[in-house]
Amino acid sequence: MLRRAWIARCVTLIIPATRLPSAWAQSAGKTPEARAERTPGPFSGVSGVGKMRFKLLYNSEILPETAKSVLVKAHGGFAVDRRQGKGETYFALPGAGILRIAPDLRTVSVLPTAESMKAVNLHGTAIWSNPRDGEPFLAFPSDDAGKVFTTTLDGKLVDTLSAPTVNDTFEYPQIHEYFLAGGSFAPTAVAYFDGLYYVTTGYCDLDYVLTAGINTNPFDARWNDLAFGGKGDGPAQFNTAHGITLVPGTEEFDISDRAHGEIKRFTRYGHYLNGVKFPTGSLPCNIDHLGPYAVVAALDGPDPHKGAPIYILENGKLISTIFPKDDLGLENFKHIHNAVLRELNNKYYIIAQSWNPGGFAILEQVTD
């Protein structure tokens, strides 16, 4: 049984709105001359500062009719296939199923999707490859169905992981007691590392990260004893663990602790390392890394009367803030639920999704 020993490296950084020092890398850059967190102004057609300014490339008109008809219900997330020579981006919409954005970002197609998945909300998307043979898979947590679905890249359902039962054993007895008492299971995000799914449960009172062991021959997912977090205000606890991302090139995870306005970093064993706290009032939903950059989608920003921001980091520092609603005229982007970063032909692109109401956009970096 994997056991966790909480370590004393608990550091939380409170970040002023104009600068985001790195809690993850020892970078000593000076405060940028331009304010990265600024008050949104009238619709300008360009948003952000410095080298990370963006304009609208595509809105929901690029989506297939099947997707456009249900876009208002969007409540999920994206996963980019970053393998060499790939570049497809996957996500899902309730009623439409799994969708795939082409590597060149010009087309979006609907994949055949099992009815059990199409009929429910798939709150996030993860992509991972079997370390033994490189076979890729997609994982979709369903917050309303209380399941984690695994498919191939063409949408074929290969496994459904249901809610834990009283027969599953976890590291902490309170988890067993929670399910024994009939507690709900509402997974919000999934990440894969070294044979395990790491599953956040931020939409239920549990709010632990649970793990499940993965066997791919034949494919089978079963709950594992390792767990960490739990609902609370401690540095290693959560108040809506909303997203989880494996930090590229490491054995560490970034977890979006939404109500605490923080991205928290943990080891693969659940040891809390440190945290980055965003400007007061920000509700970070997810983080996506690409090289030295990362994008953080926020459900709300410091001013809840304005449209929500997308924060852009470089080596852990805030260098630009994008306001899709106020600067780019995307009226549905009052709340941003997920965003990922792409690089194509020496330009960066942001693929973003809003919630309540749902919206979709691809933003292009302005380089002139």
Protein backbone atom coordinates (compact mmCIF):
# COMPACT_ATOMS: atom_id res chain seq x y z
CA MET A 1 0.00 0.00 0.00
CA LEU A 2 1.32 3.37 -0.92
CA ARG A 3 1.61 5.61 2.12
CA ARG A 4 1.96 9.34 2.26
CA ALA A 5 4.05 11.32 4.72
CA TRP A 6 3.17 14.99 4.70
CA ILE A 7 6.32 17.02 4.34
CA ALA A 8 7.19 20.41 5.68
CA ARG A 9 7.72 22.12 2.35
CA CYS A 10 4.37 23.88 2.49
CA VAL A 11 4.79 27.27 0.84
CA THR A 12 1.96 29.41 -0.49
CA LEU A 13 2.75 32.54 -2.44
CA ILE A 14 0.19 35.34 -2.55
CA ILE A 15 0.56 36.93 -5.94
CA PRO A 16 -0.07 40.60 -6.59
CA ALA A 17 -2.11 41.36 -9.68
CA THR A 18 0.76 42.79 -11.67
CA ARG A 19 3.37 40.11 -11.15
CA LEU A 20 3.46 36.34 -10.67
CA PRO A 21 6.79 35.14 -9.24
CA SER A 22 7.47 31.49 -9.87
CA ALA A 23 6.79 29.07 -7.05
CA TRP A 24 8.07 26.25 -9.20
CA ALA A 25 11.29 27.58 -10.78
CA GLN A 26 13.98 29.80 -9.35
CA SER A 27 13.61 32.68 -11.75
CA ALA A 28 14.57 36.14 -10.62
CA GLY A 29 13.08 38.25 -13.41
CA LYS A 30 12.08 41.82 -12.72
CA THR A 31 8.53 43.10 -12.71
CA PRO A 32 7.39 43.58 -16.32
CA GLU A 33 7.10 47.21 -17.33
CA ALA A 34 3.61 46.63 -18.75
CA ARG A 35 0.89 45.72 -16.32
CA ALA A 36 -0.18 42.16 -17.04
CA GLU A 37 -3.37 42.50 -14.99
CA ARG A 38 -5.19 45.55 -16.31
CA THR A 39 -8.74 46.79 -16.30
CA PRO A 40 -10.55 45.60 -19.43
CA GLY A 41 -11.41 48.44 -21.75
CA PRO A 42 -13.76 48.86 -24.70
CA PHE A 43 -13.75 46.16 -27.35
CA SER A 44 -10.38 46.52 -29.10
CA GLY A 45 -9.94 43.34 -31.09
CA VAL A 46 -6.60 42.60 -29.41
CA SER A 47 -6.04 41.49 -25.83
CA GLY A 48 -2.95 41.06 -23.69
CA VAL A 49 0.39 42.80 -23.42
CA GLY A 50 3.91 42.39 -24.77
CA LYS A 51 4.70 39.38 -26.91
CA MET A 52 1.60 37.53 -25.71
CA ARG A 53 -1.17 39.59 -27.32
CA PHE A 54 -4.00 37.72 -29.00
CA LYS A 55 -6.84 38.30 -31.45
CA LEU A 56 -9.81 36.15 -32.38
CA LEU A 57 -9.07 33.61 -35.11
CA TYR A 58 -12.16 31.37 -34.97
CA ASN A 59 -15.33 31.39 -32.92
CA SER A 60 -18.06 28.74 -32.66
CA GLU A 61 -18.83 29.04 -36.39
CA ILE A 62 -15.98 26.61 -37.03
CA LEU A 63 -17.81 23.86 -35.13
CA PRO A 64 -19.97 21.20 -36.80
CA GLU A 65 -23.71 21.85 -36.63
CA THR A 66 -24.11 19.00 -34.14
CA ALA A 67 -21.74 20.77 -31.78
CA LYS A 68 -23.08 24.28 -32.34
CA SER A 69 -26.57 23.16 -31.40
CA VAL A 70 -25.44 22.08 -27.91
CA LEU A 71 -22.57 24.50 -27.30
CA VAL A 72 -24.55 26.47 -24.74
CA LYS A 73 -24.16 23.43 -22.43
CA ALA A 74 -20.36 23.35 -22.72
CA HIS A 75 -18.80 22.39 -19.39
CA GLY A 76 -15.63 20.49 -20.19
CA GLY A 77 -12.00 20.79 -21.17
CA PHE A 78 -9.38 20.14 -23.85
CA ALA A 79 -6.44 17.78 -24.29
CA VAL A 80 -3.70 18.33 -26.88
CA ASP A 81 -1.85 15.42 -28.47
CA ARG A 82 1.71 16.74 -28.11
CA ARG A 83 3.43 13.70 -29.56
CA GLN A 84 5.86 14.37 -32.39
CA GLY A 85 4.01 14.89 -35.66
CA LYS A 86 0.57 15.07 -34.05
CA GLY A 87 -1.21 18.16 -32.68
CA GLU A 88 -4.88 17.19 -32.59
CA THR A 89 -6.94 18.61 -29.73
CA TYR A 90 -9.80 16.65 -28.16
CA PHE A 91 -12.83 17.72 -26.12
CA ALA A 92 -16.48 16.77 -25.69
CA LEU A 93 -19.89 18.40 -25.58
CA PRO A 94 -23.00 16.86 -23.97
CA GLY A 95 -25.33 15.71 -26.71
CA ALA A 96 -22.63 15.82 -29.40
CA GLY A 97 -19.94 13.52 -28.02
CA ILE A 98 -16.20 13.64 -28.60
CA LEU A 99 -14.79 16.27 -30.94
CA ARG A 100 -11.36 16.57 -32.55
CA ILE A 101 -9.71 19.80 -33.68
CA ALA A 102 -7.28 19.28 -36.57
CA PRO A 103 -3.58 20.05 -36.00
CA ASP A 104 -3.83 23.09 -38.30
CA LEU A 105 -6.82 24.35 -36.23
CA ARG A 106 -8.94 24.81 -39.37
CA THR A 107 -11.50 22.05 -38.92
CA VAL A 108 -13.38 20.33 -36.11
CA SER A 109 -14.91 16.87 -36.52
CA VAL A 110 -17.26 14.76 -34.40
CA LEU A 111 -16.06 11.28 -33.48
CA PRO A 112 -18.31 8.24 -33.00
CA THR A 113 -19.14 8.28 -29.29
CA ALA A 114 -20.78 5.69 -27.05
CA GLU A 115 -24.30 6.71 -26.04
CA SER A 116 -23.37 6.31 -22.37
CA MET A 117 -20.85 9.12 -22.86
CA LYS A 118 -22.78 11.31 -25.28
CA ALA A 119 -25.74 11.59 -22.91
CA VAL A 120 -23.73 12.98 -19.97
CA ASN A 121 -21.37 15.86 -19.28
CA LEU A 122 -17.68 15.06 -19.73
CA HIS A 123 -16.05 17.63 -17.48
CA GLY A 124 -12.49 17.31 -18.76
CA THR A 125 -10.25 15.49 -21.20
CA ALA A 126 -6.86 13.85 -20.72
CA ILE A 127 -4.61 12.17 -23.27
CA TRP A 128 -1.92 9.67 -22.37
CA SER A 129 0.10 6.85 -23.90
CA ASN A 130 0.77 3.34 -22.68
CA PRO A 131 4.46 3.42 -21.64
CA ARG A 132 4.94 -0.16 -22.88
CA ASP A 133 3.79 0.16 -26.47
CA GLY A 134 2.95 3.85 -26.94
CA GLU A 135 -0.75 3.25 -27.62
CA PRO A 136 -2.64 6.49 -26.88
CA PHE A 137 -5.89 6.82 -24.95
CA LEU A 138 -8.32 9.54 -23.91
CA ALA A 139 -9.85 9.80 -20.44
CA PHE A 140 -13.05 11.70 -19.66
CA PRO A 141 -14.35 12.31 -16.12
CA SER A 142 -18.13 12.73 -15.95
CA ASP A 143 -19.21 14.83 -13.00
CA ASP A 144 -22.92 14.12 -13.40
CA ALA A 145 -22.64 10.40 -14.22
CA GLY A 146 -20.01 9.77 -11.54
CA LYS A 147 -17.77 7.79 -13.88
CA VAL A 148 -14.42 7.99 -15.68
CA PHE A 149 -14.52 6.84 -19.30
CA THR A 150 -11.48 5.73 -21.32
CA THR A 151 -11.50 5.62 -25.11
CA THR A 152 -9.14 5.20 -28.02
CA LEU A 153 -8.29 8.28 -30.09
CA ASP A 154 -11.05 7.39 -32.54
CA GLY A 155 -13.64 7.41 -29.76
CA LYS A 156 -14.04 3.68 -29.06
CA LEU A 157 -15.00 3.14 -25.42
CA VAL A 158 -12.63 0.65 -23.76
CA ASP A 159 -13.35 1.11 -20.05
CA THR A 160 -15.82 2.70 -17.63
CA LEU A 161 -14.59 3.27 -14.09
CA SER A 162 -17.56 3.66 -11.76
CA ALA A 163 -17.71 5.29 -8.35
CA PRO A 164 -15.82 3.61 -5.51
CA THR A 165 -17.80 1.18 -3.41
CA VAL A 166 -17.53 0.00 0.19
CA ASN A 167 -15.32 -2.84 -1.10
CA ASP A 168 -12.61 -0.42 -2.28
CA THR A 169 -9.80 0.35 0.15
CA PHE A 170 -8.20 3.78 0.45
CA GLU A 171 -5.37 5.22 2.46
CA TYR A 172 -7.67 7.25 4.67
CA PRO A 173 -10.59 5.69 6.54
CA GLN A 174 -12.69 8.84 6.06
CA ILE A 175 -12.82 8.09 2.33
CA HIS A 176 -14.21 4.64 2.99
CA GLU A 177 -16.67 6.10 5.49
CA TYR A 178 -17.74 8.73 2.95
CA PHE A 179 -18.76 6.13 0.38
CA LEU A 180 -20.18 3.82 3.05
CA ALA A 181 -22.53 6.66 3.99
CA GLY A 182 -23.64 7.03 0.38
CA GLY A 183 -21.54 10.08 -0.48
CA SER A 184 -21.64 11.19 -4.11
CA PHE A 185 -18.78 10.83 -6.59
CA ALA A 186 -18.30 13.75 -8.98
CA PRO A 187 -14.93 13.58 -10.76
CA THR A 188 -13.77 16.85 -12.30
CA ALA A 189 -10.43 15.99 -13.94
CA VAL A 190 -8.06 13.11 -14.68
CA ALA A 191 -4.33 12.84 -15.25
CA TYR A 192 -2.24 9.73 -15.93
CA PHE A 193 1.22 8.84 -14.68
CA ASP A 194 3.08 5.54 -14.39
CA GLY A 195 0.11 3.21 -14.41
CA LEU A 196 -2.24 5.35 -12.32
CA TYR A 197 -5.14 7.68 -12.95
CA TYR A 198 -5.17 10.68 -10.62
CA VAL A 199 -8.78 11.84 -10.28
CA THR A 200 -9.91 15.11 -8.68
CA THR A 201 -13.33 15.08 -7.00
CA GLY A 202 -13.97 18.80 -6.52
CA TYR A 203 -17.69 18.75 -7.24
CA CYS A 204 -18.56 16.69 -4.18
CA ASP A 205 -17.91 16.98 -0.46
CA LEU A 206 -15.05 14.49 -0.69
CA ASP A 207 -12.58 16.76 -2.55
CA TYR A 208 -9.76 14.22 -2.40
CA VAL A 209 -7.54 13.21 -5.27
CA LEU A 210 -8.19 9.50 -5.74
CA THR A 211 -6.07 7.11 -7.78
CA ALA A 212 -6.90 4.08 -9.89
CA GLY A 213 -4.53 1.44 -11.23
CA ILE A 214 -4.58 0.93 -15.01
CA ASN A 215 -4.00 -2.37 -16.80
CA THR A 216 -4.12 -2.15 -20.59
CA ASN A 217 -3.99 -5.84 -21.60
CA PRO A 218 -6.91 -6.22 -21.39
CA PHE A 219 -7.89 -2.71 -20.38
CA ASP A 220 -9.06 -2.51 -16.79
CA ALA A 221 -9.13 0.34 -14.25
CA ARG A 222 -9.50 -0.36 -10.53
CA TRP A 223 -9.38 1.96 -7.55
CA ASN A 224 -6.03 2.17 -5.77
CA ASP A 225 -5.33 3.00 -2.11
CA LEU A 226 -3.30 6.20 -2.69
CA ALA A 227 -5.29 9.39 -2.03
CA PHE A 228 -4.52 12.89 -0.86
CA GLY A 229 -5.99 16.32 -0.23
CA GLY A 230 -9.50 16.47 1.18
CA LYS A 231 -11.78 19.45 1.71
CA GLY A 232 -10.39 22.16 3.96
CA ASP A 233 -8.35 25.34 4.14
CA GLY A 234 -4.94 23.82 4.82
CA PRO A 235 -2.15 24.23 2.27
CA ALA A 236 -2.48 20.59 1.19
CA GLN A 237 -6.28 20.63 1.13
CA PHE A 238 -8.80 21.83 -1.44
CA ASN A 239 -11.98 23.80 -1.80
CA THR A 240 -13.04 22.53 -5.22
CA ALA A 241 -10.12 20.65 -6.74
CA HIS A 242 -11.18 21.43 -10.29
CA GLY A 243 -8.31 20.48 -12.63
CA ILE A 244 -5.20 18.33 -12.52
CA THR A 245 -2.25 18.47 -14.93
CA LEU A 246 0.94 16.42 -15.06
CA VAL A 247 3.80 18.91 -15.27
CA PRO A 248 5.77 17.98 -18.42
CA GLY A 249 9.11 16.32 -17.74
CA THR A 250 8.41 15.80 -14.03
CA GLU A 251 6.66 13.44 -11.64
CA GLU A 252 4.59 16.29 -10.23
CA PHE A 253 1.02 17.52 -10.66
CA ASP A 254 -0.52 20.98 -10.72
CA ILE A 255 -3.99 21.00 -9.19
CA SER A 256 -6.40 23.91 -9.58
CA ASP A 257 -7.80 24.69 -6.12
CA ARG A 258 -10.51 26.91 -7.50
CA ALA A 259 -12.22 28.52 -4.50
CA HIS A 260 -8.84 29.19 -2.88
CA GLY A 261 -7.67 30.95 -6.07
CA GLU A 262 -4.56 28.81 -6.25
CA ILE A 263 -2.63 26.30 -8.32
CA LYS A 264 -1.04 23.76 -5.96
CA ARG A 265 1.80 21.43 -6.80
CA PHE A 266 2.08 17.89 -5.45
CA THR A 267 4.42 14.96 -5.93
CA ARG A 268 3.15 11.72 -7.44
CA TYR A 269 2.76 10.42 -3.88
CA GLY A 270 0.53 13.29 -2.80
CA HIS A 271 3.15 15.33 -0.95
CA TYR A 272 2.35 19.03 -1.12
CA LEU A 273 5.24 21.07 -2.50
CA ASN A 274 4.09 24.66 -2.97
CA GLY A 275 1.38 26.85 -4.39
CA VAL A 276 0.84 29.90 -6.54
CA LYS A 277 -2.06 32.12 -5.51
CA PHE A 278 -3.65 34.28 -8.19
CA PRO A 279 -5.05 37.80 -7.83
CA THR A 280 -7.81 38.00 -5.25
CA GLY A 281 -11.14 36.98 -6.71
CA SER A 282 -9.62 34.74 -9.40
CA LEU A 283 -11.03 31.24 -9.66
CA PRO A 284 -8.49 29.17 -11.64
CA CYS A 285 -10.03 26.16 -13.38
CA ASN A 286 -7.06 24.56 -15.13
CA ILE A 287 -3.46 25.07 -16.17
CA ASP A 288 -1.86 23.91 -19.43
CA HIS A 289 1.92 23.93 -20.00
CA LEU A 290 3.82 24.35 -23.27
CA GLY A 291 7.57 24.87 -23.01
CA PRO A 292 8.27 27.88 -20.77
CA TYR A 293 4.67 29.06 -21.06
CA ALA A 294 1.43 28.12 -19.36
CA VAL A 295 -2.16 29.28 -19.66
CA VAL A 296 -4.59 29.39 -16.74
CA ALA A 297 -8.32 29.67 -17.41
CA ALA A 298 -10.30 31.41 -14.68
CA LEU A 299 -14.01 31.09 -14.02
CA ASP A 300 -13.93 34.62 -12.62
CA GLY A 301 -11.31 37.33 -12.26
CA PRO A 302 -10.68 40.03 -9.66
CA ASP A 303 -13.71 41.98 -10.89
CA PRO A 304 -16.73 39.62 -11.11
CA HIS A 305 -18.64 42.24 -13.08
CA LYS A 306 -16.15 41.87 -15.95
CA GLY A 307 -15.48 38.95 -18.21
CA ALA A 308 -13.12 36.32 -16.83
CA PRO A 309 -9.40 36.32 -17.72
CA ILE A 310 -6.97 33.84 -19.20
CA TYR A 311 -3.60 34.27 -17.49
CA ILE A 312 -0.39 33.60 -19.44
CA LEU A 313 2.75 32.68 -17.52
CA GLU A 314 6.36 32.46 -18.62
CA ASN A 315 8.63 30.48 -16.33
CA GLY A 316 6.07 30.98 -13.60
CA LYS A 317 5.68 34.75 -13.99
CA LEU A 318 2.51 36.43 -15.17
CA ILE A 319 3.37 38.18 -18.43
CA SER A 320 -0.04 38.78 -20.01
CA THR A 321 -3.76 38.59 -19.29
CA ILE A 322 -6.36 37.96 -22.00
CA PHE A 323 -9.95 39.20 -21.67
CA PRO A 324 -11.95 37.41 -24.40
CA LYS A 325 -15.27 39.03 -23.49
CA ASP A 326 -14.24 42.64 -22.87
CA ASP A 327 -11.42 42.99 -25.41
CA LEU A 328 -12.37 40.52 -28.13
CA GLY A 329 -16.15 40.85 -28.03
CA LEU A 330 -16.88 37.21 -27.12
CA GLU A 331 -20.08 37.80 -25.16
CA ASN A 332 -20.42 34.22 -23.91
CA PHE A 333 -17.02 34.36 -22.21
CA LYS A 334 -18.24 35.69 -18.87
CA HIS A 335 -16.82 32.57 -17.21
CA ILE A 336 -13.89 30.64 -18.72
CA HIS A 337 -13.81 26.94 -17.93
CA ASN A 338 -10.76 25.62 -19.78
CA ALA A 339 -7.93 26.74 -22.07
CA VAL A 340 -4.94 25.11 -23.73
CA LEU A 341 -1.96 26.45 -25.63
CA ARG A 342 -0.79 25.43 -29.11
CA GLU A 343 2.25 26.44 -31.15
CA LEU A 344 1.96 26.39 -34.93
CA ASN A 345 4.29 27.93 -37.52
CA ASN A 346 6.13 29.97 -34.86
CA LYS A 347 2.91 31.43 -33.47
CA TYR A 348 0.99 30.62 -30.31
CA TYR A 349 -2.72 29.90 -30.20
CA ILE A 350 -5.15 29.59 -27.29
CA ILE A 351 -8.11 27.25 -27.54
CA ALA A 352 -10.69 28.25 -24.93
CA GLN A 353 -14.11 27.24 -23.72
CA SER A 354 -16.59 29.26 -21.64
CA TRP A 355 -19.33 28.09 -19.32
CA ASN A 356 -22.82 29.36 -18.52
CA PRO A 357 -23.33 30.06 -21.35
CA GLY A 358 -21.01 27.79 -23.23
CA GLY A 359 -18.71 29.25 -25.86
CA PHE A 360 -15.76 28.26 -28.02
CA ALA A 361 -12.90 30.26 -29.49
CA ILE A 362 -9.42 29.92 -30.96
CA LEU A 363 -7.20 32.94 -30.40
CA GLU A 364 -4.12 33.77 -32.47
CA GLN A 365 -0.98 35.51 -31.23
CA VAL A 366 -0.44 39.01 -32.65
CA THR A 367 3.20 39.29 -33.74
CA ASP A 368 3.30 42.64 -35.54
